[in-house]
Protein backbone atom coordinates (compact mmCIF):
# COMPACT_ATOMS: atom_id res chain seq x y z
CA MET A 1 151.48 29.93 38.47
CA ASN A 2 152.85 30.87 41.90
CA ILE A 3 154.01 34.44 42.37
CA LEU A 4 155.72 33.66 45.70
CA GLU A 5 157.27 30.41 46.93
CA LEU A 6 158.85 29.83 50.32
CA GLU A 7 160.97 26.69 50.55
CA HIS A 8 162.12 25.61 54.03
CA VAL A 9 162.58 29.23 55.16
CA SER A 10 164.01 30.00 58.60
CA VAL A 11 164.51 33.43 60.18
CA ALA A 12 166.85 33.97 63.12
CA TYR A 13 167.75 36.83 65.44
CA GLY A 14 171.15 36.02 66.90
CA LYS A 15 171.95 32.52 68.12
CA GLY A 16 168.70 31.75 69.93
CA LYS A 17 165.80 29.67 68.70
CA PRO A 18 164.73 30.79 65.20
CA ALA A 19 161.68 33.06 65.05
CA VAL A 20 160.62 31.15 61.92
CA GLU A 21 161.69 27.57 61.27
CA ASP A 22 161.43 25.45 58.11
CA VAL A 23 158.39 27.21 56.62
CA SER A 24 157.20 26.24 53.14
CA PHE A 25 154.12 27.39 51.22
CA SER A 26 153.21 29.03 47.91
CA VAL A 27 151.10 32.02 46.90
CA PRO A 28 149.28 31.56 43.58
CA GLU A 29 148.82 34.57 41.33
CA LYS A 30 145.78 36.76 42.13
CA SER A 31 145.08 34.83 45.35
CA ILE A 32 144.72 35.98 48.96
CA VAL A 33 146.67 33.94 51.51
CA ALA A 34 146.09 34.57 55.22
CA ILE A 35 148.78 33.66 57.74
CA VAL A 36 147.02 33.14 61.06
CA GLY A 37 148.49 32.75 64.53
CA GLU A 38 148.82 34.38 67.91
CA SER A 39 151.43 37.01 68.77
CA GLY A 40 154.95 35.59 68.65
CA SER A 41 154.18 32.93 66.06
CA GLY A 42 156.63 34.40 63.53
CA LYS A 43 154.09 35.85 61.10
CA SER A 44 155.50 39.37 60.91
CA SER A 45 159.10 38.13 60.75
CA LEU A 46 158.15 36.02 57.76
CA LEU A 47 156.63 39.00 55.91
CA ARG A 48 159.65 41.18 56.65
CA ALA A 49 161.95 38.43 55.40
CA VAL A 50 160.07 38.31 52.10
CA MET A 51 160.21 42.10 51.81
CA GLY A 52 163.90 42.26 52.78
CA LEU A 53 163.12 44.49 55.75
CA LEU A 54 164.20 42.43 58.75
CA PRO A 55 165.44 44.61 61.63
CA SER A 56 169.10 44.75 62.59
CA GLY A 57 170.29 41.35 63.78
CA GLY A 58 167.63 39.46 61.81
CA GLU A 59 168.50 37.24 58.86
CA VAL A 60 167.08 34.54 56.63
CA SER A 61 169.15 31.72 58.12
CA GLY A 62 167.91 28.97 55.84
CA GLY A 63 165.78 28.13 52.84
CA THR A 64 164.83 29.99 49.68
CA ILE A 65 162.33 32.76 48.88
CA LEU A 66 161.32 32.88 45.22
CA PHE A 67 159.44 35.85 43.76
CA GLU A 68 158.20 35.22 40.23
CA GLY A 69 160.72 32.39 40.07
CA ARG A 70 163.69 34.55 41.12
CA ASP A 71 165.68 33.76 44.24
CA LEU A 72 165.49 37.03 46.20
CA ASP A 73 168.71 36.25 48.05
CA SER A 74 170.61 36.18 44.75
CA LEU A 75 169.61 39.75 43.82
CA THR A 76 171.76 42.80 44.42
CA ARG A 77 170.67 45.46 46.89
CA GLN A 78 169.71 47.72 43.97
CA GLN A 79 167.62 44.98 42.36
CA ARG A 80 165.82 44.34 45.64
CA ARG A 81 165.16 48.07 45.95
CA GLN A 82 163.61 48.15 42.48
CA ILE A 83 161.28 45.25 43.33
CA ARG A 84 160.32 46.70 46.71
CA GLY A 85 157.48 49.16 46.32
CA LYS A 86 156.89 48.61 42.61
CA ASP A 87 156.48 44.84 42.18
CA MET A 88 156.09 44.00 45.85
CA ALA A 89 154.58 46.35 48.45
CA MET A 90 153.84 46.18 52.16
CA ILE A 91 151.23 47.61 54.50
CA PHE A 92 152.57 47.74 58.03
CA GLN A 93 150.61 47.25 61.22
CA ASN A 94 149.55 50.66 62.63
CA ALA A 95 150.57 52.32 59.38
CA GLY A 96 150.30 55.81 60.89
CA GLU A 97 153.40 55.11 62.96
CA TYR A 98 155.42 54.74 59.75
CA LEU A 99 154.41 58.13 58.40
CA ASN A 100 156.67 61.06 59.20
CA PRO A 101 154.62 63.24 61.59
CA ARG A 102 156.45 66.37 60.41
CA ARG A 103 155.54 65.97 56.75
CA LYS A 104 152.16 66.10 55.04
CA VAL A 105 150.76 62.83 53.79
CA GLY A 106 150.77 64.07 50.20
CA ALA A 107 154.49 64.90 50.25
CA GLN A 108 155.29 61.40 51.49
CA TYR A 109 152.91 59.82 48.99
CA LEU A 110 154.38 61.64 45.99
CA GLU A 111 157.94 60.93 47.13
CA THR A 112 157.13 57.20 47.22
CA LEU A 113 155.66 57.30 43.70
CA GLY A 114 158.53 59.43 42.39
CA CYS A 115 161.08 56.80 43.43
CA HIS A 116 159.65 54.43 40.80
CA LEU A 117 157.84 56.58 38.21
CA ASP A 118 159.51 59.23 36.06
CA LEU A 119 156.44 61.44 35.76
CA PRO A 120 155.71 65.14 36.36
CA ARG A 121 154.48 65.98 39.84
CA THR A 122 151.01 66.84 38.50
CA GLU A 123 150.63 63.33 37.06
CA LEU A 124 151.92 61.73 40.26
CA LYS A 125 149.35 63.71 42.23
CA LYS A 126 146.54 62.65 39.89
CA LEU A 127 147.58 59.02 40.29
CA ALA A 128 147.52 59.40 44.08
CA LEU A 129 144.12 61.10 44.12
CA ASP A 130 142.65 58.47 41.79
CA MET A 131 143.83 55.66 44.07
CA LEU A 132 142.47 57.39 47.17
CA ALA A 133 139.12 57.75 45.40
CA ALA A 134 139.21 54.06 44.42
CA LEU A 135 139.48 53.26 48.13
CA LYS A 136 136.46 55.50 48.80
CA LEU A 137 138.53 58.33 50.28
CA THR A 138 136.78 61.00 48.23
CA ASP A 139 138.28 63.93 50.14
CA GLY A 140 141.68 63.22 48.65
CA GLU A 141 142.88 66.83 48.54
CA ARG A 142 142.28 67.24 52.27
CA ILE A 143 144.05 63.96 53.04
CA MET A 144 147.05 64.90 50.92
CA ASN A 145 147.27 68.29 52.65
CA SER A 146 146.98 66.81 56.14
CA TYR A 147 149.65 65.78 58.60
CA PRO A 148 149.27 62.20 59.87
CA PHE A 149 148.01 63.31 63.30
CA GLN A 150 145.12 65.11 61.60
CA LEU A 151 143.72 61.84 60.20
CA SER A 152 141.87 59.04 61.99
CA GLY A 153 143.46 55.61 62.30
CA GLY A 154 141.17 54.25 59.62
CA MET A 155 142.01 57.04 57.18
CA LYS A 156 145.75 56.59 57.75
CA GLN A 157 145.47 52.84 57.21
CA ARG A 158 143.48 53.27 54.02
CA ALA A 159 145.90 55.95 52.81
CA ALA A 160 148.71 53.46 53.45
CA ILE A 161 146.87 50.87 51.36
CA ALA A 162 146.47 53.47 48.59
CA MET A 163 150.20 54.24 48.68
CA ALA A 164 151.04 50.54 48.51
CA MET A 165 148.62 49.87 45.63
CA SER A 166 149.38 52.93 43.47
CA LEU A 167 152.19 51.18 41.58
CA ASN A 168 150.00 48.13 40.85
CA PRO A 169 152.29 45.68 42.69
CA ARG A 170 152.15 42.02 41.76
CA LEU A 171 152.27 41.11 45.46
CA LEU A 172 150.97 42.99 48.51
CA LEU A 173 152.08 42.00 52.02
CA ALA A 174 149.71 43.19 54.76
CA ASP A 175 150.82 42.91 58.39
CA GLU A 176 147.72 42.95 60.64
CA PRO A 177 146.11 45.61 58.42
CA THR A 178 142.98 45.93 60.59
CA SER A 179 144.20 45.28 64.14
CA ALA A 180 144.12 48.89 65.38
CA LEU A 181 140.80 49.80 63.77
CA ASP A 182 137.20 49.79 64.96
CA VAL A 183 134.91 47.02 63.74
CA THR A 184 133.23 49.10 61.01
CA THR A 185 136.54 50.32 59.58
CA GLN A 186 137.98 46.79 59.78
CA ALA A 187 135.17 45.58 57.53
CA GLN A 188 135.81 48.42 55.07
CA VAL A 189 139.55 47.71 54.90
CA VAL A 190 138.95 43.98 54.37
CA GLN A 191 136.52 44.74 51.55
CA GLU A 192 138.97 47.18 49.98
CA LEU A 193 141.74 44.56 49.97
CA ILE A 194 139.44 42.08 48.23
CA GLN A 195 138.42 44.72 45.68
CA ALA A 196 142.10 45.58 45.07
CA ARG A 197 142.77 41.93 44.26
CA ASP A 198 139.74 41.73 41.98
CA ARG A 199 140.43 45.06 40.25
CA MET A 200 144.19 44.78 39.72
CA GLY A 201 144.92 41.08 40.06
CA THR A 202 147.27 41.67 42.97
CA ALA A 203 148.15 38.64 45.07
CA ILE A 204 147.90 39.39 48.81
CA VAL A 205 149.50 37.79 51.85
CA ALA A 206 147.71 39.06 54.96
CA VAL A 207 148.90 38.37 58.51
CA THR A 208 146.23 38.21 61.20
CA HIS A 209 145.61 36.68 64.63
CA ASN A 210 141.89 36.51 63.86
CA MET A 211 140.60 33.35 62.17
CA GLY A 212 137.27 35.10 61.55
CA ALA A 213 138.98 37.81 59.49
CA ALA A 214 140.98 35.17 57.62
CA SER A 215 137.81 33.27 56.75
CA ARG A 216 136.28 36.40 55.19
CA ILE A 217 139.24 37.39 53.06
CA ALA A 218 141.37 34.37 52.19
CA ASP A 219 141.47 31.79 49.43
CA TYR A 220 144.16 29.89 51.33
CA ILE A 221 145.05 29.83 55.04
CA VAL A 222 148.42 29.11 56.67
CA VAL A 223 148.28 28.46 60.44
CA MET A 224 151.49 29.23 62.36
CA GLN A 225 152.48 28.61 65.99
CA ASN A 226 155.87 29.17 67.61
CA GLY A 227 157.55 29.85 64.28
CA THR A 228 156.34 26.74 62.47
CA ILE A 229 153.39 25.83 60.26
CA ARG A 230 150.72 23.73 61.95
CA GLU A 231 148.66 23.32 58.80
CA HIS A 232 147.78 25.01 55.55
CA GLY A 233 145.27 24.52 52.78
CA THR A 234 142.32 26.12 51.06
CA ARG A 235 139.97 28.22 53.17
CA ASP A 236 137.32 25.49 53.19
CA GLN A 237 139.81 22.76 54.11
CA VAL A 238 141.14 24.68 57.12
CA ILE A 239 137.81 26.11 58.31
CA GLN A 240 135.59 23.08 57.76
CA ALA A 241 138.02 20.23 58.48
CA PRO A 242 140.88 21.52 60.66
CA ALA A 243 143.62 18.94 61.17
CA SER A 244 145.50 20.68 63.99
CA GLY A 245 144.34 21.10 67.58
CA TYR A 246 145.79 24.61 67.54
CA THR A 247 143.68 25.50 64.50
CA LYS A 248 140.61 24.22 66.32
CA GLN A 249 141.44 26.55 69.24
CA LEU A 250 141.70 29.53 66.87
CA LEU A 251 138.39 28.61 65.27
CA ALA A 252 136.70 28.28 68.68
CA ALA A 253 137.93 31.79 69.57
CA ALA A 254 136.38 33.33 66.43
CA PRO A 255 132.77 34.29 67.34
CA ALA A 256 131.73 34.77 63.71
CA LEU A 257 132.51 31.14 62.98
CA LYS A 258 130.65 29.59 65.94
């Protein structure tokens, strides 16, 4: 069964050329799908369209986005709000920038959980600490009591993953989750995403410009350029027998695959 289906989806900002044009692909349950392409290919716009978080002036100008068989465009704002965070979560690129620098991480974490779970604060905190520990952030109390600027980029990114995963979402959208991290931390984050899928059965759509990273994490790969899909298929199909010249360029630029 597919948890997410995009059917001829286009995303536009104003009257210019669409940022995303006629994109169709599916995300099977418990799978990891990597969307690969260079900057400006429409990857992030596509994720934001699925999440319902396009910036001002952006709109889904065509096509249908189905989540668990439901047309997201047919839902009320309140229904979308209930899905967002609980059933569908997102990890933003440079997650630290989305944390309020004036509030401790723990306060923001518990506020996020409290929007969807009617539990005492002590239980919310235990849930948060358990998830941080599951992501090998064993010093959870210190992280919760820290302001964002007191944490490294890797810790903030992993804390963001913990916040996104705490409600056991059916679908996790990850926008360049490792781009601002050092190589060692990148590997840890990639491994943690795979473990999250294996442990909780969460389907993941991960955006990346790095074909090497996609090859390590994905079951399926979607290659995008200039807002359109160049090719898509299983990991082995795309890596071992690329059909598009653009895909071949991305593969040639990935040292780990040479």
